[in-house]
């Protein structure tokens, strides 16, 4: 885990760039986030537009991950 990611994981109000949010989500390519925004996918991943820049709150990324967690319901042991 990178030093940046360790710092990110401890501050809910910090604003992340596309690259930082993609790293937190473990996406292979940060452009995936731009594709999702453009296509209207995953509208529950809130972002902030500051001029031409896009930023994500750490808290919003965490909530997105929590909302997309897949449980083990119905799986037999």
PDB file of N, CA and C in Angstrom:
ATOM      1  N   UNK A   1       0.850  -1.168   0.000  1.00  0.00           N
ATOM      2  CA  UNK A   1       0.000   0.000   0.000  1.00  0.00           C
ATOM      3  C   UNK A   1       0.902   1.240   0.000  1.00  0.00           C
ATOM      4  N   UNK A   2       0.591   2.180  -0.869  1.00  0.00           N
ATOM      5  CA  UNK A   2       1.424   3.371  -0.989  1.00  0.00           C
ATOM      6  C   UNK A   2       1.257   4.282   0.227  1.00  0.00           C
ATOM      7  N   UNK A   3       2.227   5.140   0.429  1.00  0.00           N
ATOM      8  CA  UNK A   3       2.174   6.109   1.523  1.00  0.00           C
ATOM      9  C   UNK A   3       0.951   7.003   1.333  1.00  0.00           C
ATOM     10  N   UNK A   4       0.699   7.400   0.096  1.00  0.00           N
ATOM     11  CA  UNK A   4      -0.456   8.244  -0.195  1.00  0.00           C
ATOM     12  C   UNK A   4      -1.750   7.546   0.200  1.00  0.00           C
ATOM     13  N   UNK A   5      -1.870   6.283  -0.163  1.00  0.00           N
ATOM     14  CA  UNK A   5      -3.095   5.550   0.154  1.00  0.00           C
ATOM     15  C   UNK A   5      -3.273   5.404   1.661  1.00  0.00           C
ATOM     16  N   UNK A   6      -2.194   5.184   2.392  1.00  0.00           N
ATOM     17  CA  UNK A   6      -2.289   5.105   3.856  1.00  0.00           C
ATOM     18  C   UNK A   6      -2.803   6.419   4.418  1.00  0.00           C
ATOM     19  N   UNK A   7      -2.328   7.541   3.883  1.00  0.00           N
ATOM     20  CA  UNK A   7      -2.785   8.845   4.353  1.00  0.00           C
ATOM     21  C   UNK A   7      -4.248   9.055   3.997  1.00  0.00           C
ATOM     22  N   UNK A   8      -4.644   8.637   2.809  1.00  0.00           N
ATOM     23  CA  UNK A   8      -6.016   8.795   2.342  1.00  0.00           C
ATOM     24  C   UNK A   8      -6.979   8.023   3.229  1.00  0.00           C
ATOM     25  N   UNK A   9      -6.618   6.856   3.614  1.00  0.00           N
ATOM     26  CA  UNK A   9      -7.509   5.996   4.366  1.00  0.00           C
ATOM     27  C   UNK A   9      -7.855   6.556   5.745  1.00  0.00           C
ATOM     28  N   UNK A  10      -7.174   7.592   6.200  1.00  0.00           N
ATOM     29  CA  UNK A  10      -7.434   8.100   7.544  1.00  0.00           C
ATOM     30  C   UNK A  10      -8.170   9.442   7.561  1.00  0.00           C
ATOM     31  N   UNK A  11      -8.498  10.012   6.419  1.00  0.00           N
ATOM     32  CA  UNK A  11      -9.084  11.349   6.408  1.00  0.00           C
ATOM     33  C   UNK A  11     -10.317  11.399   5.515  1.00  0.00           C
ATOM     34  N   UNK A  12     -11.516  11.339   6.126  1.00  0.00           N
ATOM     35  CA  UNK A  12     -12.772  11.292   5.379  1.00  0.00           C
ATOM     36  C   UNK A  12     -13.045  12.525   4.535  1.00  0.00           C
ATOM     37  N   UNK A  13     -12.568  13.682   4.951  1.00  0.00           N
ATOM     38  CA  UNK A  13     -12.886  14.918   4.250  1.00  0.00           C
ATOM     39  C   UNK A  13     -11.898  15.280   3.150  1.00  0.00           C
ATOM     40  N   UNK A  14     -10.834  14.538   3.040  1.00  0.00           N
ATOM     41  CA  UNK A  14      -9.830  14.840   2.021  1.00  0.00           C
ATOM     42  C   UNK A  14     -10.430  14.675   0.624  1.00  0.00           C
ATOM     43  N   UNK A  15     -10.059  15.561  -0.286  1.00  0.00           N
ATOM     44  CA  UNK A  15     -10.510  15.458  -1.674  1.00  0.00           C
ATOM     45  C   UNK A  15      -9.473  14.706  -2.490  1.00  0.00           C
ATOM     46  N   UNK A  16      -9.954  13.762  -3.289  1.00  0.00           N
ATOM     47  CA  UNK A  16      -9.088  12.909  -4.098  1.00  0.00           C
ATOM     48  C   UNK A  16      -9.215  13.245  -5.577  1.00  0.00           C
ATOM     49  N   UNK A  17      -8.124  13.102  -6.305  1.00  0.00           N
ATOM     50  CA  UNK A  17      -8.167  13.197  -7.755  1.00  0.00           C
ATOM     51  C   UNK A  17      -8.713  11.880  -8.307  1.00  0.00           C
ATOM     52  N   UNK A  18      -8.946  11.837  -9.621  1.00  0.00           N
ATOM     53  CA  UNK A  18      -9.361  10.586 -10.262  1.00  0.00           C
ATOM     54  C   UNK A  18      -8.365   9.469  -9.988  1.00  0.00           C
ATOM     55  N   UNK A  19      -7.082   9.778 -10.125  1.00  0.00           N
ATOM     56  CA  UNK A  19      -6.050   8.746  -9.933  1.00  0.00           C
ATOM     57  C   UNK A  19      -6.059   8.214  -8.506  1.00  0.00           C
ATOM     58  N   UNK A  20      -6.205   9.110  -7.531  1.00  0.00           N
ATOM     59  CA  UNK A  20      -6.210   8.690  -6.127  1.00  0.00           C
ATOM     60  C   UNK A  20      -7.459   7.879  -5.799  1.00  0.00           C
ATOM     61  N   UNK A  21      -8.616   8.312  -6.301  1.00  0.00           N
ATOM     62  CA  UNK A  21      -9.861   7.568  -6.060  1.00  0.00           C
ATOM     63  C   UNK A  21      -9.785   6.195  -6.724  1.00  0.00           C
ATOM     64  N   UNK A  22      -9.228   6.139  -7.934  1.00  0.00           N
ATOM     65  CA  UNK A  22      -9.081   4.858  -8.632  1.00  0.00           C
ATOM     66  C   UNK A  22      -8.149   3.928  -7.862  1.00  0.00           C
ATOM     67  N   UNK A  23      -7.094   4.481  -7.283  1.00  0.00           N
ATOM     68  CA  UNK A  23      -6.173   3.664  -6.479  1.00  0.00           C
ATOM     69  C   UNK A  23      -6.896   3.122  -5.256  1.00  0.00           C
ATOM     70  N   UNK A  24      -7.689   3.959  -4.613  1.00  0.00           N
ATOM     71  CA  UNK A  24      -8.435   3.524  -3.435  1.00  0.00           C
ATOM     72  C   UNK A  24      -9.433   2.422  -3.794  1.00  0.00           C
ATOM     73  N   UNK A  25     -10.040   2.521  -4.986  1.00  0.00           N
ATOM     74  CA  UNK A  25     -10.999   1.516  -5.452  1.00  0.00           C
ATOM     75  C   UNK A  25     -10.320   0.317  -6.104  1.00  0.00           C
ATOM     76  N   UNK A  26      -9.002   0.388  -6.226  1.00  0.00           N
ATOM     77  CA  UNK A  26      -8.202  -0.675  -6.858  1.00  0.00           C
ATOM     78  C   UNK A  26      -8.596  -0.881  -8.325  1.00  0.00           C
ATOM     79  N   UNK A  27      -8.911   0.210  -9.029  1.00  0.00           N
ATOM     80  CA  UNK A  27      -9.209   0.143 -10.453  1.00  0.00           C
ATOM     81  C   UNK A  27      -7.891   0.137 -11.223  1.00  0.00           C
ATOM     82  N   UNK A  28      -7.843  -0.617 -12.296  1.00  0.00           N
ATOM     83  CA  UNK A  28      -6.623  -0.707 -13.091  1.00  0.00           C
ATOM     84  C   UNK A  28      -6.320   0.603 -13.813  1.00  0.00           C
ATOM     85  N   UNK A  29      -7.362   1.362 -14.156  1.00  0.00           N
ATOM     86  CA  UNK A  29      -7.188   2.577 -14.935  1.00  0.00           C
ATOM     87  C   UNK A  29      -8.073   3.678 -14.358  1.00  0.00           C
ATOM     88  N   UNK A  30      -7.493   4.832 -14.073  1.00  0.00           N
ATOM     89  CA  UNK A  30      -8.276   5.930 -13.491  1.00  0.00           C
ATOM     90  C   UNK A  30      -9.305   6.479 -14.478  1.00  0.00           C
ATOM     91  N   UNK A  31      -9.139   6.205 -15.755  1.00  0.00           N
ATOM     92  CA  UNK A  31     -10.096   6.685 -16.752  1.00  0.00           C
ATOM     93  C   UNK A  31     -11.448   5.968 -16.635  1.00  0.00           C
ATOM     94  N   UNK A  32     -11.472   4.864 -15.918  1.00  0.00           N
ATOM     95  CA  UNK A  32     -12.731   4.165 -15.655  1.00  0.00           C
ATOM     96  C   UNK A  32     -13.720   5.103 -14.966  1.00  0.00           C
ATOM     97  N   UNK A  33     -13.227   5.912 -14.033  1.00  0.00           N
ATOM     98  CA  UNK A  33     -14.103   6.850 -13.323  1.00  0.00           C
ATOM     99  C   UNK A  33     -14.699   7.874 -14.283  1.00  0.00           C
ATOM    100  N   UNK A  34     -13.903   8.366 -15.221  1.00  0.00           N
ATOM    101  CA  UNK A  34     -14.411   9.314 -16.228  1.00  0.00           C
ATOM    102  C   UNK A  34     -15.464   8.641 -17.096  1.00  0.00           C
ATOM    103  N   UNK A  35     -15.238   7.388 -17.450  1.00  0.00           N
ATOM    104  CA  UNK A  35     -16.218   6.640 -18.250  1.00  0.00           C
ATOM    105  C   UNK A  35     -17.525   6.479 -17.484  1.00  0.00           C
ATOM    106  N   UNK A  36     -17.445   6.149 -16.203  1.00  0.00           N
ATOM    107  CA  UNK A  36     -18.650   6.005 -15.396  1.00  0.00           C
ATOM    108  C   UNK A  36     -19.427   7.317 -15.332  1.00  0.00           C
ATOM    109  N   UNK A  37     -18.710   8.426 -15.129  1.00  0.00           N
ATOM    110  CA  UNK A  37     -19.385   9.733 -15.074  1.00  0.00           C
ATOM    111  C   UNK A  37     -20.051  10.052 -16.400  1.00  0.00           C
ATOM    112  N   UNK A  38     -19.345   9.824 -17.478  1.00  0.00           N
ATOM    113  CA  UNK A  38     -19.841  10.147 -18.823  1.00  0.00           C
ATOM    114  C   UNK A  38     -21.073   9.311 -19.189  1.00  0.00           C
ATOM    115  N   UNK A  39     -21.059   8.050 -18.801  1.00  0.00           N
ATOM    116  CA  UNK A  39     -22.155   7.131 -19.148  1.00  0.00           C
ATOM    117  C   UNK A  39     -23.259   7.111 -18.095  1.00  0.00           C
ATOM    118  N   UNK A  40     -23.086   7.853 -17.011  1.00  0.00           N
ATOM    119  CA  UNK A  40     -24.100   7.898 -15.966  1.00  0.00           C
ATOM    120  C   UNK A  40     -24.154   6.639 -15.116  1.00  0.00           C
ATOM    121  N   UNK A  41     -23.079   5.867 -15.119  1.00  0.00           N
ATOM    122  CA  UNK A  41     -23.023   4.650 -14.300  1.00  0.00           C
ATOM    123  C   UNK A  41     -22.605   5.005 -12.875  1.00  0.00           C
ATOM    124  N   UNK A  42     -23.026   4.205 -11.945  1.00  0.00           N
ATOM    125  CA  UNK A  42     -22.632   4.336 -10.538  1.00  0.00           C
ATOM    126  C   UNK A  42     -22.855   5.763 -10.037  1.00  0.00           C
ATOM    127  N   UNK A  43     -24.078   6.243 -10.175  1.00  0.00           N
ATOM    128  CA  UNK A  43     -24.406   7.597  -9.742  1.00  0.00           C
ATOM    129  C   UNK A  43     -24.271   7.781  -8.237  1.00  0.00           C
ATOM    130  N   UNK A  44     -24.160   6.663  -7.513  1.00  0.00           N
ATOM    131  CA  UNK A  44     -23.989   6.760  -6.064  1.00  0.00           C
ATOM    132  C   UNK A  44     -22.556   7.105  -5.664  1.00  0.00           C
ATOM    133  N   UNK A  45     -21.634   7.152  -6.629  1.00  0.00           N
ATOM    134  CA  UNK A  45     -20.274   7.613  -6.353  1.00  0.00           C
ATOM    135  C   UNK A  45     -20.255   9.118  -6.604  1.00  0.00           C
ATOM    136  N   UNK A  46     -20.456   9.871  -5.532  1.00  0.00           N
ATOM    137  CA  UNK A  46     -20.562  11.323  -5.643  1.00  0.00           C
ATOM    138  C   UNK A  46     -19.205  11.950  -5.938  1.00  0.00           C
ATOM    139  N   UNK A  47     -19.227  12.995  -6.744  1.00  0.00           N
ATOM    140  CA  UNK A  47     -18.006  13.727  -7.049  1.00  0.00           C
ATOM    141  C   UNK A  47     -18.288  15.220  -7.014  1.00  0.00           C
ATOM    142  N   UNK A  48     -17.220  15.979  -6.934  1.00  0.00           N
ATOM    143  CA  UNK A  48     -17.301  17.434  -6.886  1.00  0.00           C
ATOM    144  C   UNK A  48     -16.606  17.970  -8.128  1.00  0.00           C
ATOM    145  N   UNK A  49     -17.273  18.875  -8.830  1.00  0.00           N
ATOM    146  CA  UNK A  49     -16.661  19.513  -9.988  1.00  0.00           C
ATOM    147  C   UNK A  49     -16.184  20.894  -9.549  1.00  0.00           C
ATOM    148  N   UNK A  50     -14.890  21.135  -9.695  1.00  0.00           N
ATOM    149  CA  UNK A  50     -14.284  22.425  -9.379  1.00  0.00           C
ATOM    150  C   UNK A  50     -13.666  22.939 -10.680  1.00  0.00           C
ATOM    151  N   UNK A  51     -14.402  23.784 -11.369  1.00  0.00           N
ATOM    152  CA  UNK A  51     -13.961  24.201 -12.703  1.00  0.00           C
ATOM    153  C   UNK A  51     -13.966  22.998 -13.623  1.00  0.00           C
ATOM    154  N   UNK A  52     -12.824  22.671 -14.187  1.00  0.00           N
ATOM    155  CA  UNK A  52     -12.707  21.488 -15.046  1.00  0.00           C
ATOM    156  C   UNK A  52     -12.210  20.264 -14.285  1.00  0.00           C
ATOM    157  N   UNK A  53     -11.903  20.456 -13.018  1.00  0.00           N
ATOM    158  CA  UNK A  53     -11.366  19.364 -12.200  1.00  0.00           C
ATOM    159  C   UNK A  53     -12.488  18.596 -11.514  1.00  0.00           C
ATOM    160  N   UNK A  54     -12.252  17.316 -11.331  1.00  0.00           N
ATOM    161  CA  UNK A  54     -13.178  16.436 -10.610  1.00  0.00           C
ATOM    162  C   UNK A  54     -12.462  15.953  -9.360  1.00  0.00           C
ATOM    163  N   UNK A  55     -13.172  15.981  -8.247  1.00  0.00           N
ATOM    164  CA  UNK A  55     -12.628  15.490  -6.984  1.00  0.00           C
ATOM    165  C   UNK A  55     -13.662  14.601  -6.301  1.00  0.00           C
ATOM    166  N   UNK A  56     -13.166  13.663  -5.513  1.00  0.00           N
ATOM    167  CA  UNK A  56     -13.997  12.736  -4.745  1.00  0.00           C
ATOM    168  C   UNK A  56     -13.624  12.864  -3.276  1.00  0.00           C
ATOM    169  N   UNK A  57     -14.618  12.884  -2.412  1.00  0.00           N
ATOM    170  CA  UNK A  57     -14.346  12.839  -0.977  1.00  0.00           C
ATOM    171  C   UNK A  57     -14.032  11.398  -0.594  1.00  0.00           C
ATOM    172  N   UNK A  58     -13.084  11.220   0.300  1.00  0.00           N
ATOM    173  CA  UNK A  58     -12.740   9.882   0.784  1.00  0.00           C
ATOM    174  C   UNK A  58     -13.987   9.209   1.335  1.00  0.00           C
ATOM    175  N   UNK A  59     -14.788   9.953   2.072  1.00  0.00           N
ATOM    176  CA  UNK A  59     -16.014   9.414   2.658  1.00  0.00           C
ATOM    177  C   UNK A  59     -16.951   8.883   1.574  1.00  0.00           C
ATOM    178  N   UNK A  60     -17.066   9.583   0.449  1.00  0.00           N
ATOM    179  CA  UNK A  60     -17.937   9.145  -0.646  1.00  0.00           C
ATOM    180  C   UNK A  60     -17.426   7.859  -1.289  1.00  0.00           C
ATOM    181  N   UNK A  61     -16.114   7.751  -1.422  1.00  0.00           N
ATOM    182  CA  UNK A  61     -15.528   6.531  -2.004  1.00  0.00           C
ATOM    183  C   UNK A  61     -15.757   5.354  -1.064  1.00  0.00           C
ATOM    184  N   UNK A  62     -15.570   5.579   0.226  1.00  0.00           N
ATOM    185  CA  UNK A  62     -15.813   4.508   1.202  1.00  0.00           C
ATOM    186  C   UNK A  62     -17.273   4.059   1.199  1.00  0.00           C
ATOM    187  N   UNK A  63     -18.190   5.023   1.138  1.00  0.00           N
ATOM    188  CA  UNK A  63     -19.612   4.694   1.110  1.00  0.00           C
ATOM    189  C   UNK A  63     -19.945   3.905  -0.159  1.00  0.00           C
ATOM    190  N   UNK A  64     -19.376   4.299  -1.277  1.00  0.00           N
ATOM    191  CA  UNK A  64     -19.571   3.586  -2.545  1.00  0.00           C
ATOM    192  C   UNK A  64     -19.115   2.129  -2.414  1.00  0.00           C
ATOM    193  N   UNK A  65     -17.931   1.926  -1.832  1.00  0.00           N
ATOM    194  CA  UNK A  65     -17.421   0.559  -1.653  1.00  0.00           C
ATOM    195  C   UNK A  65     -18.340  -0.239  -0.742  1.00  0.00           C
ATOM    196  N   UNK A  66     -18.809   0.381   0.315  1.00  0.00           N
ATOM    197  CA  UNK A  66     -19.701  -0.294   1.255  1.00  0.00           C
ATOM    198  C   UNK A  66     -21.016  -0.679   0.576  1.00  0.00           C
ATOM    199  N   UNK A  67     -21.562   0.220  -0.233  1.00  0.00           N
ATOM    200  CA  UNK A  67     -22.826  -0.044  -0.921  1.00  0.00           C
ATOM    201  C   UNK A  67     -22.708  -1.120  -1.990  1.00  0.00           C
ATOM    202  N   UNK A  68     -21.511  -1.369  -2.471  1.00  0.00           N
ATOM    203  CA  UNK A  68     -21.309  -2.355  -3.539  1.00  0.00           C
ATOM    204  C   UNK A  68     -20.671  -3.648  -3.039  1.00  0.00           C
ATOM    205  N   UNK A  69     -20.619  -3.794  -1.723  1.00  0.00           N
ATOM    206  CA  UNK A  69     -20.075  -5.019  -1.163  1.00  0.00           C
ATOM    207  C   UNK A  69     -21.048  -6.167  -1.417  1.00  0.00           C
ATOM    208  N   UNK A  70     -20.525  -7.275  -1.850  1.00  0.00           N
ATOM    209  CA  UNK A  70     -21.342  -8.452  -2.126  1.00  0.00           C
ATOM    210  C   UNK A  70     -21.184  -9.405  -0.952  1.00  0.00           C
ATOM    211  N   UNK A  71     -22.317  -9.736  -0.349  1.00  0.00           N
ATOM    212  CA  UNK A  71     -22.282 -10.626   0.803  1.00  0.00           C
ATOM    213  C   UNK A  71     -22.290 -12.081   0.390  1.00  0.00           C
ATOM    214  N   UNK A  72     -22.234 -12.927   1.353  1.00  0.00           N
ATOM    215  CA  UNK A  72     -22.215 -14.361   1.116  1.00  0.00           C
ATOM    216  C   UNK A  72     -23.582 -14.986   1.412  1.00  0.00           C
ATOM    217  N   UNK A  73     -24.659 -14.224   1.275  1.00  0.00           N
ATOM    218  CA  UNK A  73     -25.993 -14.732   1.549  1.00  0.00           C
ATOM    219  C   UNK A  73     -26.348 -15.837   0.556  1.00  0.00           C
ATOM    220  N   UNK A  74     -26.933 -16.881   1.045  1.00  0.00           N
ATOM    221  CA  UNK A  74     -27.383 -17.958   0.194  1.00  0.00           C
ATOM    222  C   UNK A  74     -26.295 -18.945  -0.208  1.00  0.00           C
ATOM    223  N   UNK A  75     -25.078 -18.708   0.216  1.00  0.00           N
ATOM    224  CA  UNK A  75     -23.992 -19.613  -0.109  1.00  0.00           C
ATOM    225  C   UNK A  75     -23.941 -20.706   0.957  1.00  0.00           C
ATOM    226  N   UNK A  76     -23.991 -21.950   0.504  1.00  0.00           N
ATOM    227  CA  UNK A  76     -23.957 -23.068   1.437  1.00  0.00           C
ATOM    228  C   UNK A  76     -22.530 -23.453   1.729  1.00  0.00           C
ATOM    229  N   UNK A  77     -22.300 -23.855   2.962  1.00  0.00           N
ATOM    230  CA  UNK A  77     -20.963 -24.286   3.362  1.00  0.00           C
ATOM    231  C   UNK A  77     -20.782 -25.753   3.144  1.00  0.00           C
TER     232      UNK A  77
END
